[in-house]
Protein backbone atom coordinates (compact mmCIF):
# COMPACT_ATOMS: atom_id res chain seq x y z
CA MET A 1 0.11 0.02 0.05
CA LYS A 2 1.27 3.71 -0.94
CA ASN A 3 2.31 6.04 1.88
CA PRO A 4 0.75 3.56 5.02
CA VAL A 5 -0.58 5.63 7.85
CA VAL A 6 1.58 4.41 11.09
CA LEU A 7 0.14 5.38 14.51
CA VAL A 8 3.06 5.68 17.39
CA THR A 9 2.22 6.16 21.03
CA GLY A 10 4.58 7.57 23.48
CA ALA A 11 6.09 9.67 20.43
CA THR A 12 7.43 12.71 22.68
CA SER A 13 10.69 11.21 23.44
CA GLY A 14 12.89 8.25 23.53
CA ILE A 15 12.03 5.10 21.64
CA GLY A 16 8.85 6.56 20.21
CA GLU A 17 10.24 9.64 19.03
CA ALA A 18 13.19 7.91 17.38
CA ILE A 19 10.67 5.75 15.33
CA ALA A 20 8.46 8.73 14.35
CA ARG A 21 11.50 10.47 13.06
CA LYS A 22 12.35 7.40 10.77
CA LEU A 23 8.84 7.17 9.44
CA PRO A 24 8.82 9.97 6.61
CA ASP A 25 11.68 8.95 4.87
CA GLN A 26 10.57 5.72 4.48
CA GLY A 27 7.38 6.79 2.83
CA TYR A 28 4.94 6.18 5.79
CA VAL A 29 2.63 8.99 7.41
CA PRO A 30 3.26 9.34 10.87
CA ILE A 31 0.65 9.84 13.47
CA LEU A 32 2.17 10.85 16.72
CA LEU A 33 0.38 10.20 20.08
CA GLY A 34 1.39 11.62 23.52
CA ARG A 35 0.65 13.50 26.61
CA ARG A 36 2.70 16.74 25.93
CA SER A 37 1.13 18.18 23.18
CA SER A 38 3.67 21.26 22.82
CA ARG A 39 6.41 18.46 22.26
CA LEU A 40 4.41 16.68 19.70
CA LYS A 41 3.88 19.91 17.90
CA GLU A 42 7.40 20.70 18.16
CA ILE A 43 8.38 16.88 16.51
CA HIS A 44 5.53 17.24 14.04
CA ARG A 45 6.77 20.47 12.93
CA GLU A 46 10.37 19.19 12.23
CA LEU A 47 8.94 16.10 10.33
CA ASN A 48 6.36 18.18 8.31
CA ARG A 49 4.45 15.00 7.82
CA GLY A 50 1.21 13.31 9.16
CA SER A 51 -0.22 14.75 12.25
CA TYR A 52 -0.30 14.54 15.87
CA TYR A 53 -3.05 14.14 18.66
CA SER A 54 -2.66 14.73 22.65
CA CYS A 55 -3.94 11.58 24.26
CA ASP A 56 -3.67 9.96 27.59
CA ILE A 57 -3.88 5.89 26.88
CA THR A 58 -5.08 5.14 30.36
CA LYS A 59 -8.21 7.01 29.33
CA GLU A 60 -10.74 5.14 27.47
CA ALA A 61 -12.66 7.98 26.10
CA GLU A 62 -9.40 9.55 24.88
CA VAL A 63 -8.41 6.82 23.02
CA LYS A 64 -11.59 6.05 21.42
CA GLN A 65 -12.13 9.92 20.42
CA VAL A 66 -8.51 10.16 19.11
CA VAL A 67 -8.69 6.87 16.95
CA GLU A 68 -12.09 8.19 15.48
CA GLU A 69 -10.56 11.31 14.47
CA ILE A 70 -7.58 9.81 12.39
CA ILE A 71 -10.05 7.52 10.75
CA GLN A 72 -12.03 10.51 9.78
CA THR A 73 -8.77 12.26 8.67
CA TYR A 74 -7.07 9.62 7.17
CA GLY A 75 -9.64 6.62 6.58
CA ARG A 76 -7.45 3.93 7.85
CA ILE A 77 -4.69 3.14 10.02
CA ASP A 78 -2.32 0.36 8.58
CA VAL A 79 0.08 0.08 11.47
CA LEU A 80 -0.29 0.64 15.22
CA ILE A 81 2.91 0.79 17.30
CA ASN A 82 2.19 0.67 21.21
CA ASN A 83 5.36 2.08 22.46
CA ALA A 84 4.22 4.29 25.47
CA GLY A 85 5.53 2.62 28.92
CA TYR A 86 7.39 3.81 31.88
CA GLY A 87 8.96 1.74 34.93
CA CYS A 88 9.49 2.18 38.37
CA PHE A 89 12.68 1.10 40.03
CA GLY A 90 13.13 -0.27 43.44
CA GLY A 91 12.54 -3.03 45.67
CA PHE A 92 9.18 -4.54 45.77
CA LEU A 93 7.94 -3.04 49.29
CA ASP A 94 9.59 0.30 48.06
CA VAL A 95 7.23 0.85 45.20
CA SER A 96 3.72 1.99 46.24
CA PRO A 97 0.36 0.03 45.01
CA ASP A 98 -0.37 3.22 43.23
CA ASP A 99 2.61 2.97 40.93
CA TYR A 100 2.04 -0.96 40.23
CA ARG A 101 -1.32 0.10 38.84
CA GLY A 102 -0.06 2.95 37.05
CA MET A 103 2.55 0.50 35.18
CA MET A 104 -0.26 -1.73 34.47
CA GLU A 105 -2.44 0.83 33.07
CA THR A 106 -0.03 2.25 30.74
CA ASN A 107 2.27 -0.48 29.88
CA TYR A 108 -0.39 -3.36 29.42
CA LEU A 109 -3.79 -1.88 29.63
CA GLY A 110 -3.13 1.07 27.35
CA ALA A 111 -1.80 -1.12 24.65
CA VAL A 112 -5.14 -3.20 24.98
CA ARG A 113 -7.11 0.22 24.61
CA MET A 114 -5.30 1.12 21.64
CA VAL A 115 -5.90 -2.28 20.03
CA ARG A 116 -9.60 -2.48 21.06
CA HIS A 117 -10.27 0.88 19.22
CA VAL A 118 -8.00 0.42 16.25
CA LEU A 119 -8.28 -3.33 15.44
CA PRO A 120 -11.93 -3.26 14.04
CA HIS A 121 -10.76 -0.65 11.48
CA MET A 122 -8.06 -3.00 10.47
CA LEU A 123 -10.36 -5.90 10.24
CA ARG A 124 -12.69 -3.85 7.95
CA ALA A 125 -9.87 -2.85 5.80
CA GLY A 126 -8.59 -6.37 5.53
CA HIS A 127 -5.16 -5.89 6.74
CA GLY A 128 -3.09 -4.27 9.53
CA ARG A 129 -0.09 -4.62 11.53
CA ILE A 130 0.57 -4.15 15.60
CA ILE A 131 4.04 -4.10 16.84
CA ASN A 132 4.03 -3.87 20.59
CA ILE A 133 7.20 -2.40 22.03
CA ALA A 134 7.89 -4.87 25.11
CA SER A 135 11.04 -5.42 27.05
CA LEU A 136 13.59 -8.18 28.03
CA ALA A 137 11.87 -7.71 31.28
CA GLY A 138 8.83 -9.27 29.75
CA LEU A 139 10.86 -12.52 28.96
CA THR A 140 12.52 -12.72 32.67
CA GLY A 141 12.24 -11.19 36.04
CA ILE A 142 14.44 -8.48 36.89
CA PRO A 143 15.31 -7.46 40.55
CA ASN A 144 14.05 -3.94 41.73
CA LEU A 145 11.61 -4.16 38.46
CA ALA A 146 8.84 -6.28 39.53
CA GLY A 147 5.98 -4.08 38.49
CA TYR A 148 7.51 -3.39 35.31
CA CYS A 149 8.19 -7.01 34.45
CA ALA A 150 4.71 -7.83 35.31
CA SER A 151 3.27 -5.30 32.91
CA LYS A 152 5.52 -6.30 30.01
CA PHE A 153 4.69 -10.09 30.64
CA ALA A 154 1.25 -9.22 30.24
CA LEU A 155 2.00 -7.31 26.97
CA ILE A 156 3.64 -10.29 25.35
CA GLY A 157 1.12 -12.95 26.44
CA PHE A 158 -1.46 -10.51 24.96
CA SER A 159 0.37 -9.94 21.71
CA GLU A 160 0.80 -13.89 21.38
CA ALA A 161 -2.97 -14.56 22.05
CA LEU A 162 -3.77 -11.73 19.22
CA LYS A 163 -1.35 -13.02 16.92
CA LEU A 164 -2.95 -16.51 17.10
CA GLU A 165 -6.63 -15.12 16.99
CA TYR A 166 -6.18 -12.65 13.98
CA ALA A 167 -3.46 -14.23 11.66
CA PRO A 168 -2.83 -13.82 8.72
CA VAL A 169 -5.20 -10.79 8.30
CA ILE A 170 -3.61 -8.99 11.45
CA GLN A 171 0.06 -9.32 11.93
CA VAL A 172 1.39 -8.88 15.35
CA GLY A 173 5.06 -8.32 16.02
CA VAL A 174 6.90 -7.85 19.72
CA LEU A 175 10.10 -5.91 20.14
CA CYS A 176 11.98 -6.79 23.48
CA PRO A 177 14.93 -4.51 23.99
CA GLY A 178 17.23 -4.54 27.05
CA PRO A 179 17.70 -1.51 28.91
CA VAL A 180 17.60 1.54 26.69
CA MET A 181 19.30 4.99 27.38
CA THR A 182 16.49 7.19 27.69
CA PRO A 183 16.21 10.63 28.51
CA PHE A 184 15.84 9.43 32.13
CA PHE A 185 19.43 8.26 32.04
CA ARG A 186 21.09 11.07 30.17
CA GLY A 187 23.70 12.59 32.42
CA GLU A 188 23.17 9.71 34.99
CA ASP A 189 25.57 6.89 35.47
CA PRO A 190 23.48 3.60 34.51
CA ARG A 191 25.30 1.61 37.32
CA ARG A 192 22.59 3.38 39.75
CA HIS A 193 20.02 1.08 38.30
CA PHE A 194 21.96 -1.97 36.77
CA PRO A 195 25.03 -4.14 37.36
CA PRO A 196 28.08 -3.35 35.14
CA LEU A 197 27.42 -6.43 33.13
CA ILE A 198 23.99 -4.97 32.05
CA ALA A 199 24.99 -1.35 32.32
CA GLY A 200 27.56 -1.86 29.59
CA GLN A 201 24.98 -3.16 26.95
CA MET A 202 22.50 -0.32 27.34
CA LEU A 203 20.81 0.32 23.93
CA GLU A 204 20.25 3.87 22.46
CA ALA A 205 16.83 4.58 21.39
CA GLU A 206 17.96 4.90 17.63
CA GLU A 207 19.05 1.25 17.80
CA VAL A 208 15.58 0.10 18.98
CA ALA A 209 13.74 2.45 16.29
CA ARG A 210 16.01 0.73 13.57
CA CYS A 211 14.92 -2.70 14.47
CA ALA A 212 11.17 -1.55 14.87
CA LEU A 213 11.11 -0.53 11.65
CA LYS A 214 12.42 -3.80 10.35
CA ILE A 215 9.82 -5.87 12.51
CA MET A 216 7.17 -3.49 10.99
CA LYS A 217 7.86 -5.01 7.74
CA ARG A 218 8.17 -8.45 8.79
CA PRO A 219 6.19 -8.96 12.40
CA LYS A 220 7.88 -11.22 14.41
CA THR A 221 9.11 -11.53 18.27
CA VAL A 222 12.61 -10.02 18.42
CA VAL A 223 15.02 -9.76 21.35
CA ILE A 224 17.75 -6.96 20.91
CA PRO A 225 20.57 -6.64 21.53
CA GLY A 226 21.01 -10.07 20.25
CA LYS A 227 23.86 -10.93 22.50
CA LEU A 228 21.37 -10.91 25.59
CA LYS A 229 19.72 -13.97 23.80
CA TRP A 230 22.23 -16.14 25.69
CA ALA A 231 20.82 -15.03 28.88
CA LEU A 232 17.19 -16.42 27.86
CA GLN A 233 18.88 -19.77 26.58
CA LEU A 234 20.44 -20.21 29.96
CA ARG A 235 17.19 -19.42 31.74
CA LYS A 236 15.45 -21.87 29.37
CA TRP A 237 17.69 -24.80 29.63
CA PHE A 238 19.60 -24.31 32.96
CA PRO A 239 17.09 -22.25 35.19
CA SER A 240 18.72 -23.09 38.43
CA LEU A 241 22.01 -21.73 37.20
CA TYR A 242 20.29 -18.63 35.49
CA PHE A 243 18.78 -17.48 38.49
CA TRP A 244 21.81 -18.21 40.62
CA ALA A 245 23.79 -16.29 38.30
CA THR A 246 21.37 -13.35 38.35
CA ARG A 247 21.16 -12.97 42.19
CA ARG A 248 25.01 -13.05 42.22
CA ILE A 249 25.18 -10.37 39.26
CA TYR A 250 22.68 -7.98 41.08
CA ARG A 251 24.32 -8.32 44.41
CA GLN A 252 27.14 -6.01 42.76
CA LEU A 253 24.56 -3.10 43.08
CA ASP A 254 24.52 -3.41 46.83
CA GLN A 255 28.23 -3.21 46.99
CA ASN A 256 28.35 -0.28 44.30
CA PRO A 257 29.07 3.34 45.48
CA HIS A 258 26.85 4.41 42.82
CA LYS A 259 23.95 2.22 44.20
CA ARG A 260 20.41 3.08 42.78
CA PRO A 261 18.04 5.30 44.73
CA SER A 262 15.24 3.09 46.30
CA HIS A 263 12.75 4.57 44.08
CA SER A 264 13.12 6.16 40.68
CA ILE A 265 11.24 6.50 37.42
CA SER A 266 12.25 5.90 33.99
CA GLU A 267 10.69 5.41 30.52
CA PHE A 268 11.51 2.55 28.46
């Protein structure tokens, strides 16, 4: 299809912004969603293509209205990229119940709301692609990210179920990056949040965006950087060794002078 319409949530910064900036050069029409309308306007002005909408994906009515407006304007949504999300660092007892609810409302249920309102239009059109930006934390538990892990595990399970229900008409892809150097980490030492082995492999949003565009063309489940796949294989075949090694690696944080704060927030 000529000039596919691509809807990107969480487009104001990080991975979402990086994806949005790559779309026009490849012939896509970018539709940007986010909460900060001033930032969306700025990015849209630089792209000089598509449009933007201020939307809180935790609000059902806002999602419904925005999707209807996009359909009225463009007639279709060819690709939905569910990127909006955030995480709270901290031990299980240090993170508040409100933060756990917030992560689930945004990272998982936010994607569900988007799909619920976009999918019927894709089905009527007879085609559509949904790309969910999950995380390595959706494939294995990570210390001090219990709530974030739970929300991303849910997103991956949801994605797999959608894929089974609606293939081949609707194609579903999942991108599972490791830790990403988002604006939250700029100017900070990653060792405050991750042990050296992990901190040394942090990704730039640009790398994730490139991979997202690849799986947008051929949806599948992808883990990046590829070197982290060994950890998942270790978990699959030697779970006891994996959990022993993970506990040992993360104990380094307790002995690190740059030890993380007990509670902080990052967008992945």
